Amino acid sequence: TTPFQVPRIDLKLADGTIWKLFTANSMKKISADVSCLAFVNGGDTA
């Protein structure tokens, strides 16, 4: 679909501010019809 939208991701910081991540920053477009969640699993001992 165009535009492609997913739910917002909020990073809630200690002093009450919120860093809001919308689709452009939360997803990575891989091809014309595939987008991936642009977060990586760092492992148990990250």
All heavy atoms as atom14 arrays in JSON, in Angstrom:
{
  "sequence": "TTPFQVPRIDLKLADGTIWKLFTANSMKKISADVSCLAFVNGGDTA",
  "atom14_mask": [
    [1, 1, 1, 1, 1, 1, 1, 0, 0, 0, 0, 0, 0, 0],
    [1, 1, 1, 1, 1, 1, 1, 0, 0, 0, 0, 0, 0, 0],
    [1, 1, 1, 1, 1, 1, 1, 0, 0, 0, 0, 0, 0, 0],
    [1, 1, 1, 1, 1, 1, 1, 1, 1, 1, 1, 0, 0, 0],
    [1, 1, 1, 1, 1, 1, 1, 1, 1, 0, 0, 0, 0, 0],
    [1, 1, 1, 1, 1, 1, 1, 0, 0, 0, 0, 0, 0, 0],
    [1, 1, 1, 1, 1, 1, 1, 0, 0, 0, 0, 0, 0, 0],
    [1, 1, 1, 1, 1, 1, 1, 1, 1, 1, 1, 0, 0, 0],
    [1, 1, 1, 1, 1, 1, 1, 1, 0, 0, 0, 0, 0, 0],
    [1, 1, 1, 1, 1, 1, 1, 1, 0, 0, 0, 0, 0, 0],
    [1, 1, 1, 1, 1, 1, 1, 1, 0, 0, 0, 0, 0, 0],
    [1, 1, 1, 1, 1, 1, 1, 1, 1, 0, 0, 0, 0, 0],
    [1, 1, 1, 1, 1, 1, 1, 1, 0, 0, 0, 0, 0, 0],
    [1, 1, 1, 1, 1, 0, 0, 0, 0, 0, 0, 0, 0, 0],
    [1, 1, 1, 1, 1, 1, 1, 1, 0, 0, 0, 0, 0, 0],
    [1, 1, 1, 1, 0, 0, 0, 0, 0, 0, 0, 0, 0, 0],
    [1, 1, 1, 1, 1, 1, 1, 0, 0, 0, 0, 0, 0, 0],
    [1, 1, 1, 1, 1, 1, 1, 1, 0, 0, 0, 0, 0, 0],
    [1, 1, 1, 1, 1, 1, 1, 1, 1, 1, 1, 1, 1, 1],
    [1, 1, 1, 1, 1, 1, 1, 1, 1, 0, 0, 0, 0, 0],
    [1, 1, 1, 1, 1, 1, 1, 1, 0, 0, 0, 0, 0, 0],
    [1, 1, 1, 1, 1, 1, 1, 1, 1, 1, 1, 0, 0, 0],
    [1, 1, 1, 1, 1, 1, 1, 0, 0, 0, 0, 0, 0, 0],
    [1, 1, 1, 1, 1, 0, 0, 0, 0, 0, 0, 0, 0, 0],
    [1, 1, 1, 1, 1, 1, 1, 1, 0, 0, 0, 0, 0, 0],
    [1, 1, 1, 1, 1, 1, 0, 0, 0, 0, 0, 0, 0, 0],
    [1, 1, 1, 1, 1, 1, 1, 1, 0, 0, 0, 0, 0, 0],
    [1, 1, 1, 1, 1, 1, 1, 1, 1, 0, 0, 0, 0, 0],
    [1, 1, 1, 1, 1, 1, 1, 1, 1, 0, 0, 0, 0, 0],
    [1, 1, 1, 1, 1, 1, 1, 1, 0, 0, 0, 0, 0, 0],
    [1, 1, 1, 1, 1, 1, 0, 0, 0, 0, 0, 0, 0, 0],
    [1, 1, 1, 1, 1, 0, 0, 0, 0, 0, 0, 0, 0, 0],
    [1, 1, 1, 1, 1, 1, 1, 1, 0, 0, 0, 0, 0, 0],
    [1, 1, 1, 1, 1, 1, 1, 0, 0, 0, 0, 0, 0, 0],
    [1, 1, 1, 1, 1, 1, 0, 0, 0, 0, 0, 0, 0, 0],
    [1, 1, 1, 1, 1, 1, 0, 0, 0, 0, 0, 0, 0, 0],
    [1, 1, 1, 1, 1, 1, 1, 1, 0, 0, 0, 0, 0, 0],
    [1, 1, 1, 1, 1, 0, 0, 0, 0, 0, 0, 0, 0, 0],
    [1, 1, 1, 1, 1, 1, 1, 1, 1, 1, 1, 0, 0, 0],
    [1, 1, 1, 1, 1, 1, 1, 0, 0, 0, 0, 0, 0, 0],
    [1, 1, 1, 1, 1, 1, 1, 1, 0, 0, 0, 0, 0, 0],
    [1, 1, 1, 1, 0, 0, 0, 0, 0, 0, 0, 0, 0, 0],
    [1, 1, 1, 1, 0, 0, 0, 0, 0, 0, 0, 0, 0, 0],
    [1, 1, 1, 1, 1, 1, 1, 1, 0, 0, 0, 0, 0, 0],
    [1, 1, 1, 1, 1, 1, 1, 0, 0, 0, 0, 0, 0, 0],
    [1, 1, 1, 1, 1, 0, 0, 0, 0, 0, 0, 0, 0, 0]
  ],
  "atom14_positions": [
    [[0.83, -1.21, 0.0], [0.0, 0.0, 0.0], [0.86, 1.25, 0.0], [1.99, 1.26, 0.48], [-0.91, 0.02, 1.24], [-0.09, -0.01, 2.42], [-1.83, -1.18, 1.24], [0.0, 0.0, 0.0], [0.0, 0.0, 0.0], [0.0, 0.0, 0.0], [0.0, 0.0, 0.0], [0.0, 0.0, 0.0], [0.0, 0.0, 0.0], [0.0, 0.0, 0.0]],
    [[0.32, 2.34, -0.56], [1.03, 3.62, -0.58], [0.1, 4.72, -0.08], [-1.01, 4.86, -0.61], [1.5, 3.96, -2.01], [2.35, 2.91, -2.48], [2.28, 5.26, -2.04], [0.0, 0.0, 0.0], [0.0, 0.0, 0.0], [0.0, 0.0, 0.0], [0.0, 0.0, 0.0], [0.0, 0.0, 0.0], [0.0, 0.0, 0.0], [0.0, 0.0, 0.0]],
    [[0.48, 5.5, 0.94], [1.71, 5.33, 1.69], [1.6, 4.17, 2.68], [0.51, 3.87, 3.17], [1.84, 6.66, 2.43], [0.43, 7.1, 2.63], [-0.32, 6.64, 1.42], [0.0, 0.0, 0.0], [0.0, 0.0, 0.0], [0.0, 0.0, 0.0], [0.0, 0.0, 0.0], [0.0, 0.0, 0.0], [0.0, 0.0, 0.0], [0.0, 0.0, 0.0]],
    [[2.74, 3.55, 2.97], [2.77, 2.45, 3.93], [3.0, 3.01, 5.32], [3.95, 3.76, 5.55], [3.88, 1.47, 3.55], [4.03, 0.31, 4.5], [3.04, -0.64, 4.6], [5.15, 0.19, 5.3], [3.16, -1.71, 5.47], [5.3, -0.87, 6.17], [4.29, -1.83, 6.26], [0.0, 0.0, 0.0], [0.0, 0.0, 0.0], [0.0, 0.0, 0.0]],
    [[2.11, 2.68, 6.26], [2.21, 3.21, 7.61], [2.09, 2.07, 8.62], [1.3, 1.14, 8.43], [1.11, 4.24, 7.88], [1.16, 5.46, 6.97], [2.37, 6.33, 7.22], [2.94, 6.32, 8.32], [2.77, 7.1, 6.23], [0.0, 0.0, 0.0], [0.0, 0.0, 0.0], [0.0, 0.0, 0.0], [0.0, 0.0, 0.0], [0.0, 0.0, 0.0]],
    [[2.88, 2.17, 9.69], [2.77, 1.22, 10.81], [2.6, 2.04, 12.1], [2.84, 3.25, 12.11], [4.02, 0.32, 10.91], [4.16, -0.56, 9.68], [5.29, 1.15, 11.13], [0.0, 0.0, 0.0], [0.0, 0.0, 0.0], [0.0, 0.0, 0.0], [0.0, 0.0, 0.0], [0.0, 0.0, 0.0], [0.0, 0.0, 0.0], [0.0, 0.0, 0.0]],
    [[2.2, 1.41, 13.19], [2.03, 2.14, 14.44], [3.32, 2.81, 14.91], [4.42, 2.32, 14.66], [1.59, 1.05, 15.43], [0.96, 0.01, 14.57], [1.75, 0.01, 13.3], [0.0, 0.0, 0.0], [0.0, 0.0, 0.0], [0.0, 0.0, 0.0], [0.0, 0.0, 0.0], [0.0, 0.0, 0.0], [0.0, 0.0, 0.0], [0.0, 0.0, 0.0]],
    [[3.15, 3.91, 15.59], [4.29, 4.67, 16.1], [4.97, 3.93, 17.24], [4.33, 3.25, 18.04], [3.79, 6.03, 16.6], [4.88, 7.05, 16.86], [4.29, 8.32, 17.42], [3.94, 8.18, 18.83], [2.91, 8.8, 19.41], [2.11, 9.57, 18.69], [2.68, 8.64, 20.7], [0.0, 0.0, 0.0], [0.0, 0.0, 0.0], [0.0, 0.0, 0.0]],
    [[6.3, 4.09, 17.32], [7.1, 3.56, 18.42], [7.59, 4.74, 19.25], [8.14, 5.7, 18.7], [8.29, 2.74, 17.89], [7.78, 1.53, 17.1], [9.21, 2.31, 19.03], [8.86, 0.84, 16.29], [0.0, 0.0, 0.0], [0.0, 0.0, 0.0], [0.0, 0.0, 0.0], [0.0, 0.0, 0.0], [0.0, 0.0, 0.0], [0.0, 0.0, 0.0]],
    [[7.39, 4.69, 20.55], [7.81, 5.77, 21.45], [8.93, 5.3, 22.36], [8.81, 4.26, 23.02], [6.65, 6.25, 22.32], [5.57, 6.96, 21.53], [5.85, 7.36, 20.38], [4.45, 7.11, 22.05], [0.0, 0.0, 0.0], [0.0, 0.0, 0.0], [0.0, 0.0, 0.0], [0.0, 0.0, 0.0], [0.0, 0.0, 0.0], [0.0, 0.0, 0.0]],
    [[10.01, 6.07, 22.4], [11.06, 5.86, 23.4], [10.81, 6.86, 24.51], [10.95, 8.08, 24.32], [12.44, 6.09, 22.77], [12.77, 5.25, 21.52], [14.18, 5.56, 21.03], [12.6, 3.77, 21.8], [0.0, 0.0, 0.0], [0.0, 0.0, 0.0], [0.0, 0.0, 0.0], [0.0, 0.0, 0.0], [0.0, 0.0, 0.0], [0.0, 0.0, 0.0]],
    [[10.39, 6.35, 25.68], [10.02, 7.22, 26.79], [11.24, 7.46, 27.67], [11.75, 6.54, 28.31], [8.87, 6.59, 27.58], [7.62, 6.42, 26.74], [6.41, 6.04, 27.57], [5.15, 6.03, 26.73], [3.93, 5.76, 27.51], [0.0, 0.0, 0.0], [0.0, 0.0, 0.0], [0.0, 0.0, 0.0], [0.0, 0.0, 0.0], [0.0, 0.0, 0.0]],
    [[11.68, 8.71, 27.7], [12.9, 9.07, 28.42], [12.58, 9.48, 29.85], [11.44, 9.8, 30.19], [13.63, 10.17, 27.66], [14.02, 9.74, 26.23], [14.32, 10.93, 25.36], [15.19, 8.78, 26.27], [0.0, 0.0, 0.0], [0.0, 0.0, 0.0], [0.0, 0.0, 0.0], [0.0, 0.0, 0.0], [0.0, 0.0, 0.0], [0.0, 0.0, 0.0]],
    [[13.63, 9.47, 30.68], [13.43, 9.58, 32.13], [12.78, 10.88, 32.56], [12.07, 10.92, 33.56], [14.77, 9.4, 32.84], [0.0, 0.0, 0.0], [0.0, 0.0, 0.0], [0.0, 0.0, 0.0], [0.0, 0.0, 0.0], [0.0, 0.0, 0.0], [0.0, 0.0, 0.0], [0.0, 0.0, 0.0], [0.0, 0.0, 0.0], [0.0, 0.0, 0.0]],
    [[13.01, 11.96, 31.84], [12.5, 13.25, 32.27], [11.15, 13.59, 31.63], [10.73, 14.74, 31.63], [13.51, 14.36, 31.97], [14.12, 14.21, 30.59], [13.57, 13.43, 29.79], [15.12, 14.88, 30.32], [0.0, 0.0, 0.0], [0.0, 0.0, 0.0], [0.0, 0.0, 0.0], [0.0, 0.0, 0.0], [0.0, 0.0, 0.0], [0.0, 0.0, 0.0]],
    [[10.48, 12.58, 31.07], [9.16, 12.8, 30.54], [9.08, 13.08, 29.05], [7.99, 13.09, 28.48], [0.0, 0.0, 0.0], [0.0, 0.0, 0.0], [0.0, 0.0, 0.0], [0.0, 0.0, 0.0], [0.0, 0.0, 0.0], [0.0, 0.0, 0.0], [0.0, 0.0, 0.0], [0.0, 0.0, 0.0], [0.0, 0.0, 0.0], [0.0, 0.0, 0.0]],
    [[10.22, 13.33, 28.4], [10.19, 13.55, 26.96], [10.04, 12.22, 26.23], [10.4, 11.17, 26.75], [11.46, 14.27, 26.48], [12.61, 13.53, 26.91], [11.53, 15.68, 27.04], [0.0, 0.0, 0.0], [0.0, 0.0, 0.0], [0.0, 0.0, 0.0], [0.0, 0.0, 0.0], [0.0, 0.0, 0.0], [0.0, 0.0, 0.0], [0.0, 0.0, 0.0]],
    [[9.51, 12.29, 25.03], [9.26, 11.08, 24.24], [9.86, 11.28, 22.85], [9.57, 12.26, 22.16], [7.75, 10.78, 24.13], [7.16, 10.55, 25.52], [7.52, 9.57, 23.24], [5.65, 10.34, 25.49], [0.0, 0.0, 0.0], [0.0, 0.0, 0.0], [0.0, 0.0, 0.0], [0.0, 0.0, 0.0], [0.0, 0.0, 0.0], [0.0, 0.0, 0.0]],
    [[10.69, 10.34, 22.45], [11.25, 10.32, 21.1], [10.33, 9.44, 20.27], [10.29, 8.22, 20.42], [12.66, 9.76, 21.13], [13.43, 9.92, 19.84], [12.93, 10.2, 18.61], [14.84, 9.79, 19.67], [13.93, 10.26, 17.68], [15.12, 10.01, 18.29], [15.89, 9.51, 20.54], [16.41, 9.95, 17.78], [17.19, 9.45, 20.03], [17.44, 9.67, 18.67]],
    [[9.57, 10.06, 19.35], [8.56, 9.36, 18.56], [9.16, 8.91, 17.24], [9.72, 9.72, 16.49], [7.35, 10.27, 18.32], [6.64, 10.72, 19.59], [5.49, 11.66, 19.25], [4.69, 12.02, 20.48], [5.46, 12.84, 21.43], [0.0, 0.0, 0.0], [0.0, 0.0, 0.0], [0.0, 0.0, 0.0], [0.0, 0.0, 0.0], [0.0, 0.0, 0.0]],
    [[9.04, 7.62, 16.95], [9.56, 7.05, 15.72], [8.39, 6.62, 14.83], [7.6, 5.75, 15.2], [10.45, 5.84, 16.02], [11.68, 6.12, 16.9], [12.41, 4.82, 17.21], [12.62, 7.11, 16.22], [0.0, 0.0, 0.0], [0.0, 0.0, 0.0], [0.0, 0.0, 0.0], [0.0, 0.0, 0.0], [0.0, 0.0, 0.0], [0.0, 0.0, 0.0]],
    [[8.3, 7.26, 13.68], [7.27, 6.93, 12.71], [7.84, 5.98, 11.66], [9.0, 5.58, 11.72], [6.71, 8.21, 12.09], [5.98, 9.09, 13.06], [6.68, 10.0, 13.86], [4.61, 8.99, 13.21], [6.01, 10.8, 14.77], [3.93, 9.79, 14.12], [4.63, 10.69, 14.91], [0.0, 0.0, 0.0], [0.0, 0.0, 0.0], [0.0, 0.0, 0.0]],
    [[7.04, 5.64, 10.67], [7.39, 4.58, 9.72], [8.75, 4.79, 9.07], [9.53, 3.84, 8.92], [6.3, 4.46, 8.63], [5.03, 4.25, 9.26], [6.59, 3.33, 7.68], [0.0, 0.0, 0.0], [0.0, 0.0, 0.0], [0.0, 0.0, 0.0], [0.0, 0.0, 0.0], [0.0, 0.0, 0.0], [0.0, 0.0, 0.0], [0.0, 0.0, 0.0]],
    [[9.07, 6.01, 8.65], [10.33, 6.25, 7.93], [11.54, 5.85, 8.76], [12.57, 5.44, 8.2], [10.42, 7.72, 7.54], [0.0, 0.0, 0.0], [0.0, 0.0, 0.0], [0.0, 0.0, 0.0], [0.0, 0.0, 0.0], [0.0, 0.0, 0.0], [0.0, 0.0, 0.0], [0.0, 0.0, 0.0], [0.0, 0.0, 0.0], [0.0, 0.0, 0.0]],
    [[11.44, 5.99, 10.08], [12.56, 5.65, 10.95], [12.43, 4.3, 11.64], [13.42, 3.78, 12.17], [12.75, 6.74, 12.03], [13.19, 8.06, 11.45], [12.41, 8.98, 11.34], [14.45, 8.16, 11.06], [0.0, 0.0, 0.0], [0.0, 0.0, 0.0], [0.0, 0.0, 0.0], [0.0, 0.0, 0.0], [0.0, 0.0, 0.0], [0.0, 0.0, 0.0]],
    [[11.25, 3.73, 11.63], [11.07, 2.44, 12.3], [11.15, 1.27, 11.33], [11.41, 0.13, 11.74], [9.73, 2.39, 13.03], [8.64, 2.47, 12.13], [0.0, 0.0, 0.0], [0.0, 0.0, 0.0], [0.0, 0.0, 0.0], [0.0, 0.0, 0.0], [0.0, 0.0, 0.0], [0.0, 0.0, 0.0], [0.0, 0.0, 0.0], [0.0, 0.0, 0.0]],
    [[10.92, 1.51, 10.03], [10.92, 0.46, 9.03], [12.02, 0.71, 8.0], [12.38, 1.85, 7.73], [9.56, 0.37, 8.34], [8.37, 0.18, 9.26], [8.37, -1.41, 10.14], [8.11, -2.57, 8.78], [0.0, 0.0, 0.0], [0.0, 0.0, 0.0], [0.0, 0.0, 0.0], [0.0, 0.0, 0.0], [0.0, 0.0, 0.0], [0.0, 0.0, 0.0]],
    [[12.52, -0.37, 7.41], [13.5, -0.28, 6.33], [12.9, -0.94, 5.1], [12.55, -2.11, 5.11], [14.79, -0.99, 6.73], [15.82, -1.12, 5.61], [16.35, 0.24, 5.18], [17.45, 0.05, 4.13], [17.94, 1.36, 3.63], [0.0, 0.0, 0.0], [0.0, 0.0, 0.0], [0.0, 0.0, 0.0], [0.0, 0.0, 0.0], [0.0, 0.0, 0.0]],
    [[12.77, -0.16, 4.03], [12.2, -0.68, 2.79], [13.22, -1.59, 2.1], [14.34, -1.16, 1.81], [11.78, 0.47, 1.87], [10.84, 0.03, 0.76], [10.28, 1.24, 0.05], [9.24, 0.84, -0.99], [8.07, 0.18, -0.41], [0.0, 0.0, 0.0], [0.0, 0.0, 0.0], [0.0, 0.0, 0.0], [0.0, 0.0, 0.0], [0.0, 0.0, 0.0]],
    [[12.84, -2.83, 1.85], [13.74, -3.8, 1.25], [13.5, -3.93, -0.24], [14.43, -4.12, -1.03], [13.56, -5.18, 1.93], [13.8, -5.07, 3.43], [14.49, -6.22, 1.32], [15.18, -4.57, 3.81], [0.0, 0.0, 0.0], [0.0, 0.0, 0.0], [0.0, 0.0, 0.0], [0.0, 0.0, 0.0], [0.0, 0.0, 0.0], [0.0, 0.0, 0.0]],
    [[12.25, -3.83, -0.65], [11.88, -3.9, -2.07], [10.6, -3.11, -2.25], [10.11, -2.47, -1.31], [11.7, -5.36, -2.5], [10.59, -5.94, -1.84], [0.0, 0.0, 0.0], [0.0, 0.0, 0.0], [0.0, 0.0, 0.0], [0.0, 0.0, 0.0], [0.0, 0.0, 0.0], [0.0, 0.0, 0.0], [0.0, 0.0, 0.0], [0.0, 0.0, 0.0]],
    [[10.05, -3.16, -3.45], [8.85, -2.37, -3.74], [7.69, -2.73, -2.83], [6.84, -1.87, -2.53], [8.46, -2.55, -5.2], [0.0, 0.0, 0.0], [0.0, 0.0, 0.0], [0.0, 0.0, 0.0], [0.0, 0.0, 0.0], [0.0, 0.0, 0.0], [0.0, 0.0, 0.0], [0.0, 0.0, 0.0], [0.0, 0.0, 0.0], [0.0, 0.0, 0.0]],
    [[7.62, -3.98, -2.38], [6.48, -4.39, -1.57], [6.86, -5.08, -0.27], [6.05, -5.8, 0.31], [5.55, -5.29, -2.38], [6.25, -6.57, -2.85], [7.48, -6.67, -2.69], [5.55, -7.46, -3.36], [0.0, 0.0, 0.0], [0.0, 0.0, 0.0], [0.0, 0.0, 0.0], [0.0, 0.0, 0.0], [0.0, 0.0, 0.0], [0.0, 0.0, 0.0]],
    [[8.09, -4.87, 0.2], [8.53, -5.46, 1.47], [9.24, -4.41, 2.31], [10.15, -3.72, 1.82], [9.47, -6.67, 1.26], [10.03, -7.17, 2.59], [8.74, -7.79, 0.54], [0.0, 0.0, 0.0], [0.0, 0.0, 0.0], [0.0, 0.0, 0.0], [0.0, 0.0, 0.0], [0.0, 0.0, 0.0], [0.0, 0.0, 0.0], [0.0, 0.0, 0.0]],
    [[8.83, -4.28, 3.57], [9.52, -3.43, 4.54], [9.73, -4.23, 5.81], [8.87, -5.02, 6.22], [8.7, -2.17, 4.85], [8.63, -1.32, 3.73], [0.0, 0.0, 0.0], [0.0, 0.0, 0.0], [0.0, 0.0, 0.0], [0.0, 0.0, 0.0], [0.0, 0.0, 0.0], [0.0, 0.0, 0.0], [0.0, 0.0, 0.0], [0.0, 0.0, 0.0]],
    [[10.88, -4.03, 6.44], [11.22, -4.78, 7.66], [11.35, -3.83, 8.84], [11.78, -2.68, 8.68], [12.52, -5.55, 7.47], [12.43, -6.83, 6.2], [0.0, 0.0, 0.0], [0.0, 0.0, 0.0], [0.0, 0.0, 0.0], [0.0, 0.0, 0.0], [0.0, 0.0, 0.0], [0.0, 0.0, 0.0], [0.0, 0.0, 0.0], [0.0, 0.0, 0.0]],
    [[10.99, -4.34, 10.01], [11.18, -3.58, 11.24], [12.68, -3.36, 11.44], [13.45, -4.31, 11.55], [10.6, -4.36, 12.42], [10.66, -3.7, 13.8], [9.88, -2.39, 13.82], [10.14, -4.66, 14.86], [0.0, 0.0, 0.0], [0.0, 0.0, 0.0], [0.0, 0.0, 0.0], [0.0, 0.0, 0.0], [0.0, 0.0, 0.0], [0.0, 0.0, 0.0]],
    [[13.1, -2.1, 11.45], [14.52, -1.75, 11.41], [15.15, -1.75, 12.8], [15.81, -0.79, 13.22], [14.71, -0.41, 10.74], [0.0, 0.0, 0.0], [0.0, 0.0, 0.0], [0.0, 0.0, 0.0], [0.0, 0.0, 0.0], [0.0, 0.0, 0.0], [0.0, 0.0, 0.0], [0.0, 0.0, 0.0], [0.0, 0.0, 0.0], [0.0, 0.0, 0.0]],
    [[14.93, -2.84, 13.51], [15.53, -3.07, 14.82], [16.17, -4.45, 14.8], [15.61, -5.38, 14.2], [14.49, -2.98, 15.93], [13.96, -1.6, 16.16], [13.05, -1.03, 15.27], [14.36, -0.85, 17.25], [12.55, 0.24, 15.47], [13.86, 0.42, 17.47], [12.96, 0.97, 16.57], [0.0, 0.0, 0.0], [0.0, 0.0, 0.0], [0.0, 0.0, 0.0]],
    [[17.31, -4.59, 15.46], [18.1, -5.82, 15.37], [18.22, -6.46, 16.74], [18.35, -5.76, 17.76], [19.49, -5.52, 14.78], [20.37, -6.76, 14.76], [19.36, -4.95, 13.37], [0.0, 0.0, 0.0], [0.0, 0.0, 0.0], [0.0, 0.0, 0.0], [0.0, 0.0, 0.0], [0.0, 0.0, 0.0], [0.0, 0.0, 0.0], [0.0, 0.0, 0.0]],
    [[18.2, -7.79, 16.78], [18.39, -8.55, 18.01], [19.88, -8.61, 18.33], [20.66, -9.21, 17.58], [17.82, -9.96, 17.84], [17.8, -10.74, 19.14], [18.49, -10.42, 20.1], [16.99, -11.79, 19.18], [0.0, 0.0, 0.0], [0.0, 0.0, 0.0], [0.0, 0.0, 0.0], [0.0, 0.0, 0.0], [0.0, 0.0, 0.0], [0.0, 0.0, 0.0]],
    [[20.29, -8.0, 19.43], [21.7, -7.97, 19.81], [22.17, -9.19, 20.57], [23.37, -9.3, 20.86], [0.0, 0.0, 0.0], [0.0, 0.0, 0.0], [0.0, 0.0, 0.0], [0.0, 0.0, 0.0], [0.0, 0.0, 0.0], [0.0, 0.0, 0.0], [0.0, 0.0, 0.0], [0.0, 0.0, 0.0], [0.0, 0.0, 0.0], [0.0, 0.0, 0.0]],
    [[21.26, -10.1, 20.91], [21.65, -11.31, 21.63], [21.52, -11.16, 23.14], [21.33, -10.06, 23.67], [0.0, 0.0, 0.0], [0.0, 0.0, 0.0], [0.0, 0.0, 0.0], [0.0, 0.0, 0.0], [0.0, 0.0, 0.0], [0.0, 0.0, 0.0], [0.0, 0.0, 0.0], [0.0, 0.0, 0.0], [0.0, 0.0, 0.0], [0.0, 0.0, 0.0]],
    [[21.66, -12.3, 23.83], [21.49, -12.32, 25.28], [22.59, -11.58, 26.01], [22.38, -11.06, 27.11], [21.45, -13.77, 25.77], [20.23, -14.51, 25.26], [19.19, -13.85, 25.02], [20.3, -15.74, 25.1], [0.0, 0.0, 0.0], [0.0, 0.0, 0.0], [0.0, 0.0, 0.0], [0.0, 0.0, 0.0], [0.0, 0.0, 0.0], [0.0, 0.0, 0.0]],
    [[23.79, -11.54, 25.44], [24.93, -10.92, 26.11], [25.34, -9.61, 25.45], [26.52, -9.25, 25.46], [26.12, -11.89, 26.13], [26.47, -12.23, 24.77], [25.77, -13.16, 26.89], [0.0, 0.0, 0.0], [0.0, 0.0, 0.0], [0.0, 0.0, 0.0], [0.0, 0.0, 0.0], [0.0, 0.0, 0.0], [0.0, 0.0, 0.0], [0.0, 0.0, 0.0]],
    [[24.38, -8.92, 24.87], [24.69, -7.64, 24.21], [25.37, -6.69, 25.18], [25.03, -6.62, 26.36], [23.41, -7.02, 23.66], [0.0, 0.0, 0.0], [0.0, 0.0, 0.0], [0.0, 0.0, 0.0], [0.0, 0.0, 0.0], [0.0, 0.0, 0.0], [0.0, 0.0, 0.0], [0.0, 0.0, 0.0], [0.0, 0.0, 0.0], [0.0, 0.0, 0.0]]
  ]
}
